[in-house]
């Protein structure tokens, strides 16, 4: 098996535009899904923090 760390300091290679577009599209889709998930999920830590602050007042 070849050592992958030997290629770290080598110059970058050009990537086809189709591949760049696919990767950027996948990243945008993942970000959208993460944003939607945060809208519909419960942030338990935030709820506990707000509850504690309200009790101290």
PDB file of N, CA and C in Angstrom:
ATOM      1  N   UNK A   1       0.846  -1.183   0.000  1.00  0.00           N
ATOM      2  CA  UNK A   1       0.000   0.000   0.000  1.00  0.00           C
ATOM      3  C   UNK A   1       0.890   1.244   0.000  1.00  0.00           C
ATOM      4  N   UNK A   2       0.538   2.203  -0.839  1.00  0.00           N
ATOM      5  CA  UNK A   2       1.332   3.413  -0.970  1.00  0.00           C
ATOM      6  C   UNK A   2       1.029   4.384   0.171  1.00  0.00           C
ATOM      7  N   UNK A   3       2.049   5.091   0.615  1.00  0.00           N
ATOM      8  CA  UNK A   3       1.898   6.054   1.697  1.00  0.00           C
ATOM      9  C   UNK A   3       1.225   7.324   1.154  1.00  0.00           C
ATOM     10  N   UNK A   4      -0.004   7.632   1.583  1.00  0.00           N
ATOM     11  CA  UNK A   4      -0.709   8.807   1.046  1.00  0.00           C
ATOM     12  C   UNK A   4      -0.099  10.129   1.502  1.00  0.00           C
ATOM     13  N   UNK A   5       0.687  10.134   2.566  1.00  0.00           N
ATOM     14  CA  UNK A   5       1.270  11.365   3.078  1.00  0.00           C
ATOM     15  C   UNK A   5       2.422  11.871   2.211  1.00  0.00           C
ATOM     16  N   UNK A   6       2.921  11.052   1.303  1.00  0.00           N
ATOM     17  CA  UNK A   6       3.972  11.491   0.393  1.00  0.00           C
ATOM     18  C   UNK A   6       3.442  12.512  -0.605  1.00  0.00           C
ATOM     19  N   UNK A   7       2.140  12.570  -0.803  1.00  0.00           N
ATOM     20  CA  UNK A   7       1.543  13.460  -1.800  1.00  0.00           C
ATOM     21  C   UNK A   7       1.070  14.782  -1.215  1.00  0.00           C
ATOM     22  N   UNK A   8       1.321  15.032   0.049  1.00  0.00           N
ATOM     23  CA  UNK A   8       0.796  16.235   0.704  1.00  0.00           C
ATOM     24  C   UNK A   8       1.412  17.507   0.123  1.00  0.00           C
ATOM     25  N   UNK A   9       2.718  17.536  -0.089  1.00  0.00           N
ATOM     26  CA  UNK A   9       3.388  18.758  -0.546  1.00  0.00           C
ATOM     27  C   UNK A   9       3.419  18.894  -2.061  1.00  0.00           C
ATOM     28  N   UNK A  10       2.721  18.054  -2.780  1.00  0.00           N
ATOM     29  CA  UNK A  10       2.708  18.123  -4.233  1.00  0.00           C
ATOM     30  C   UNK A  10       1.693  19.171  -4.683  1.00  0.00           C
ATOM     31  N   UNK A  11       1.911  19.755  -5.880  1.00  0.00           N
ATOM     32  CA  UNK A  11       0.952  20.755  -6.372  1.00  0.00           C
ATOM     33  C   UNK A  11      -0.429  20.148  -6.609  1.00  0.00           C
ATOM     34  N   UNK A  12      -1.452  20.982  -6.460  1.00  0.00           N
ATOM     35  CA  UNK A  12      -2.818  20.525  -6.655  1.00  0.00           C
ATOM     36  C   UNK A  12      -3.083  20.256  -8.130  1.00  0.00           C
ATOM     37  N   UNK A  13      -3.983  19.329  -8.399  1.00  0.00           N
ATOM     38  CA  UNK A  13      -4.358  19.013  -9.774  1.00  0.00           C
ATOM     39  C   UNK A  13      -5.691  19.662 -10.086  1.00  0.00           C
ATOM     40  N   UNK A  14      -5.908  20.000 -11.339  1.00  0.00           N
ATOM     41  CA  UNK A  14      -7.179  20.572 -11.769  1.00  0.00           C
ATOM     42  C   UNK A  14      -8.262  19.507 -11.739  1.00  0.00           C
ATOM     43  N   UNK A  15      -9.449  19.926 -11.365  1.00  0.00           N
ATOM     44  CA  UNK A  15     -10.585  19.021 -11.281  1.00  0.00           C
ATOM     45  C   UNK A  15     -11.588  19.443 -12.356  1.00  0.00           C
ATOM     46  N   UNK A  16     -12.249  18.488 -13.012  1.00  0.00           N
ATOM     47  CA  UNK A  16     -13.243  18.846 -14.025  1.00  0.00           C
ATOM     48  C   UNK A  16     -14.374  19.698 -13.434  1.00  0.00           C
ATOM     49  N   UNK A  17     -14.887  20.616 -14.237  1.00  0.00           N
ATOM     50  CA  UNK A  17     -15.950  21.516 -13.791  1.00  0.00           C
ATOM     51  C   UNK A  17     -17.197  20.749 -13.346  1.00  0.00           C
ATOM     52  N   UNK A  18     -17.510  19.639 -14.018  1.00  0.00           N
ATOM     53  CA  UNK A  18     -18.698  18.857 -13.646  1.00  0.00           C
ATOM     54  C   UNK A  18     -18.563  18.330 -12.227  1.00  0.00           C
ATOM     55  N   UNK A  19     -17.350  17.892 -11.876  1.00  0.00           N
ATOM     56  CA  UNK A  19     -17.112  17.359 -10.532  1.00  0.00           C
ATOM     57  C   UNK A  19     -17.216  18.480  -9.494  1.00  0.00           C
ATOM     58  N   UNK A  20     -16.655  19.647  -9.819  1.00  0.00           N
ATOM     59  CA  UNK A  20     -16.760  20.794  -8.899  1.00  0.00           C
ATOM     60  C   UNK A  20     -18.223  21.149  -8.666  1.00  0.00           C
ATOM     61  N   UNK A  21     -19.003  21.192  -9.753  1.00  0.00           N
ATOM     62  CA  UNK A  21     -20.417  21.539  -9.638  1.00  0.00           C
ATOM     63  C   UNK A  21     -21.159  20.507  -8.795  1.00  0.00           C
ATOM     64  N   UNK A  22     -20.850  19.230  -8.974  1.00  0.00           N
ATOM     65  CA  UNK A  22     -21.508  18.164  -8.207  1.00  0.00           C
ATOM     66  C   UNK A  22     -21.181  18.292  -6.721  1.00  0.00           C
ATOM     67  N   UNK A  23     -19.911  18.531  -6.417  1.00  0.00           N
ATOM     68  CA  UNK A  23     -19.496  18.671  -5.011  1.00  0.00           C
ATOM     69  C   UNK A  23     -20.169  19.878  -4.373  1.00  0.00           C
ATOM     70  N   UNK A  24     -20.198  21.017  -5.072  1.00  0.00           N
ATOM     71  CA  UNK A  24     -20.832  22.216  -4.519  1.00  0.00           C
ATOM     72  C   UNK A  24     -22.327  22.004  -4.336  1.00  0.00           C
ATOM     73  N   UNK A  25     -22.950  21.291  -5.252  1.00  0.00           N
ATOM     74  CA  UNK A  25     -24.374  20.982  -5.128  1.00  0.00           C
ATOM     75  C   UNK A  25     -24.627  20.083  -3.918  1.00  0.00           C
ATOM     76  N   UNK A  26     -23.776  19.083  -3.720  1.00  0.00           N
ATOM     77  CA  UNK A  26     -23.920  18.187  -2.563  1.00  0.00           C
ATOM     78  C   UNK A  26     -23.735  18.949  -1.250  1.00  0.00           C
ATOM     79  N   UNK A  27     -22.783  19.878  -1.232  1.00  0.00           N
ATOM     80  CA  UNK A  27     -22.556  20.672  -0.023  1.00  0.00           C
ATOM     81  C   UNK A  27     -23.761  21.561   0.267  1.00  0.00           C
ATOM     82  N   UNK A  28     -24.310  22.171  -0.781  1.00  0.00           N
ATOM     83  CA  UNK A  28     -25.491  23.027  -0.603  1.00  0.00           C
ATOM     84  C   UNK A  28     -26.679  22.211  -0.101  1.00  0.00           C
ATOM     85  N   UNK A  29     -26.839  20.999  -0.617  1.00  0.00           N
ATOM     86  CA  UNK A  29     -27.930  20.127  -0.170  1.00  0.00           C
ATOM     87  C   UNK A  29     -27.743  19.741   1.296  1.00  0.00           C
ATOM     88  N   UNK A  30     -26.519  19.407   1.672  1.00  0.00           N
ATOM     89  CA  UNK A  30     -26.244  19.039   3.065  1.00  0.00           C
ATOM     90  C   UNK A  30     -26.513  20.218   3.995  1.00  0.00           C
ATOM     91  N   UNK A  31     -26.109  21.427   3.584  1.00  0.00           N
ATOM     92  CA  UNK A  31     -26.360  22.618   4.409  1.00  0.00           C
ATOM     93  C   UNK A  31     -27.855  22.868   4.549  1.00  0.00           C
ATOM     94  N   UNK A  32     -28.594  22.719   3.458  1.00  0.00           N
ATOM     95  CA  UNK A  32     -30.038  22.897   3.510  1.00  0.00           C
ATOM     96  C   UNK A  32     -30.673  21.900   4.467  1.00  0.00           C
ATOM     97  N   UNK A  33     -30.265  20.643   4.400  1.00  0.00           N
ATOM     98  CA  UNK A  33     -30.813  19.622   5.301  1.00  0.00           C
ATOM     99  C   UNK A  33     -30.465  19.916   6.754  1.00  0.00           C
ATOM    100  N   UNK A  34     -29.252  20.400   7.008  1.00  0.00           N
ATOM    101  CA  UNK A  34     -28.870  20.740   8.382  1.00  0.00           C
ATOM    102  C   UNK A  34     -29.704  21.921   8.891  1.00  0.00           C
ATOM    103  N   UNK A  35     -29.936  22.912   8.031  1.00  0.00           N
ATOM    104  CA  UNK A  35     -30.758  24.058   8.432  1.00  0.00           C
ATOM    105  C   UNK A  35     -32.202  23.637   8.708  1.00  0.00           C
ATOM    106  N   UNK A  36     -32.740  22.777   7.848  1.00  0.00           N
ATOM    107  CA  UNK A  36     -34.109  22.293   8.072  1.00  0.00           C
ATOM    108  C   UNK A  36     -34.195  21.462   9.346  1.00  0.00           C
ATOM    109  N   UNK A  37     -33.197  20.642   9.596  1.00  0.00           N
ATOM    110  CA  UNK A  37     -33.194  19.823  10.810  1.00  0.00           C
ATOM    111  C   UNK A  37     -33.149  20.701  12.051  1.00  0.00           C
ATOM    112  N   UNK A  38     -32.382  21.791  11.992  1.00  0.00           N
ATOM    113  CA  UNK A  38     -32.303  22.670  13.167  1.00  0.00           C
ATOM    114  C   UNK A  38     -33.629  23.397  13.401  1.00  0.00           C
ATOM    115  N   UNK A  39     -34.395  23.626  12.346  1.00  0.00           N
ATOM    116  CA  UNK A  39     -35.703  24.270  12.517  1.00  0.00           C
ATOM    117  C   UNK A  39     -36.693  23.364  13.238  1.00  0.00           C
ATOM    118  N   UNK A  40     -36.608  22.056  12.995  1.00  0.00           N
ATOM    119  CA  UNK A  40     -37.595  21.126  13.518  1.00  0.00           C
ATOM    120  C   UNK A  40     -37.085  20.287  14.693  1.00  0.00           C
ATOM    121  N   UNK A  41     -35.893  20.577  15.181  1.00  0.00           N
ATOM    122  CA  UNK A  41     -35.379  19.814  16.318  1.00  0.00           C
ATOM    123  C   UNK A  41     -35.422  20.675  17.575  1.00  0.00           C
ATOM    124  N   UNK A  42     -35.372  20.014  18.693  1.00  0.00           N
ATOM    125  CA  UNK A  42     -35.403  20.696  19.991  1.00  0.00           C
ATOM    126  C   UNK A  42     -33.971  20.843  20.482  1.00  0.00           C
ATOM    127  N   UNK A  43     -33.604  22.051  20.807  1.00  0.00           N
ATOM    128  CA  UNK A  43     -32.279  22.303  21.354  1.00  0.00           C
ATOM    129  C   UNK A  43     -32.388  22.207  22.876  1.00  0.00           C
ATOM    130  N   UNK A  44     -32.150  21.006  23.392  1.00  0.00           N
ATOM    131  CA  UNK A  44     -32.352  20.738  24.818  1.00  0.00           C
ATOM    132  C   UNK A  44     -31.463  21.619  25.685  1.00  0.00           C
ATOM    133  N   UNK A  45     -30.224  21.838  25.276  1.00  0.00           N
ATOM    134  CA  UNK A  45     -29.311  22.651  26.082  1.00  0.00           C
ATOM    135  C   UNK A  45     -29.833  24.079  26.203  1.00  0.00           C
ATOM    136  N   UNK A  46     -30.365  24.618  25.125  1.00  0.00           N
ATOM    137  CA  UNK A  46     -30.890  25.986  25.158  1.00  0.00           C
ATOM    138  C   UNK A  46     -32.121  26.070  26.060  1.00  0.00           C
ATOM    139  N   UNK A  47     -32.982  25.068  26.014  1.00  0.00           N
ATOM    140  CA  UNK A  47     -34.186  25.054  26.848  1.00  0.00           C
ATOM    141  C   UNK A  47     -33.817  24.989  28.323  1.00  0.00           C
ATOM    142  N   UNK A  48     -32.854  24.138  28.670  1.00  0.00           N
ATOM    143  CA  UNK A  48     -32.420  24.023  30.064  1.00  0.00           C
ATOM    144  C   UNK A  48     -31.805  25.337  30.529  1.00  0.00           C
ATOM    145  N   UNK A  49     -30.982  25.944  29.681  1.00  0.00           N
ATOM    146  CA  UNK A  49     -30.348  27.210  30.049  1.00  0.00           C
ATOM    147  C   UNK A  49     -31.384  28.304  30.290  1.00  0.00           C
ATOM    148  N   UNK A  50     -32.381  28.402  29.422  1.00  0.00           N
ATOM    149  CA  UNK A  50     -33.428  29.416  29.598  1.00  0.00           C
ATOM    150  C   UNK A  50     -34.253  29.145  30.847  1.00  0.00           C
ATOM    151  N   UNK A  51     -34.523  27.880  31.133  1.00  0.00           N
ATOM    152  CA  UNK A  51     -35.296  27.532  32.330  1.00  0.00           C
ATOM    153  C   UNK A  51     -34.551  27.918  33.593  1.00  0.00           C
ATOM    154  N   UNK A  52     -33.259  27.656  33.621  1.00  0.00           N
ATOM    155  CA  UNK A  52     -32.439  27.998  34.799  1.00  0.00           C
ATOM    156  C   UNK A  52     -32.396  29.509  34.984  1.00  0.00           C
ATOM    157  N   UNK A  53     -32.245  30.252  33.876  1.00  0.00           N
ATOM    158  CA  UNK A  53     -32.212  31.709  33.983  1.00  0.00           C
ATOM    159  C   UNK A  53     -33.525  32.258  34.525  1.00  0.00           C
ATOM    160  N   UNK A  54     -34.658  31.678  34.088  1.00  0.00           N
ATOM    161  CA  UNK A  54     -35.968  32.135  34.547  1.00  0.00           C
ATOM    162  C   UNK A  54     -36.158  31.839  36.026  1.00  0.00           C
ATOM    163  N   UNK A  55     -35.648  30.713  36.492  1.00  0.00           N
ATOM    164  CA  UNK A  55     -35.818  30.347  37.913  1.00  0.00           C
ATOM    165  C   UNK A  55     -34.990  31.241  38.812  1.00  0.00           C
ATOM    166  N   UNK A  56     -33.842  31.711  38.334  1.00  0.00           N
ATOM    167  CA  UNK A  56     -32.975  32.562  39.161  1.00  0.00           C
ATOM    168  C   UNK A  56     -33.573  33.942  39.348  1.00  0.00           C
ATOM    169  N   UNK A  57     -34.430  34.397  38.434  1.00  0.00           N
ATOM    170  CA  UNK A  57     -34.984  35.750  38.530  1.00  0.00           C
ATOM    171  C   UNK A  57     -36.051  35.863  39.558  1.00  0.00           C
TER     172      UNK A  57
END
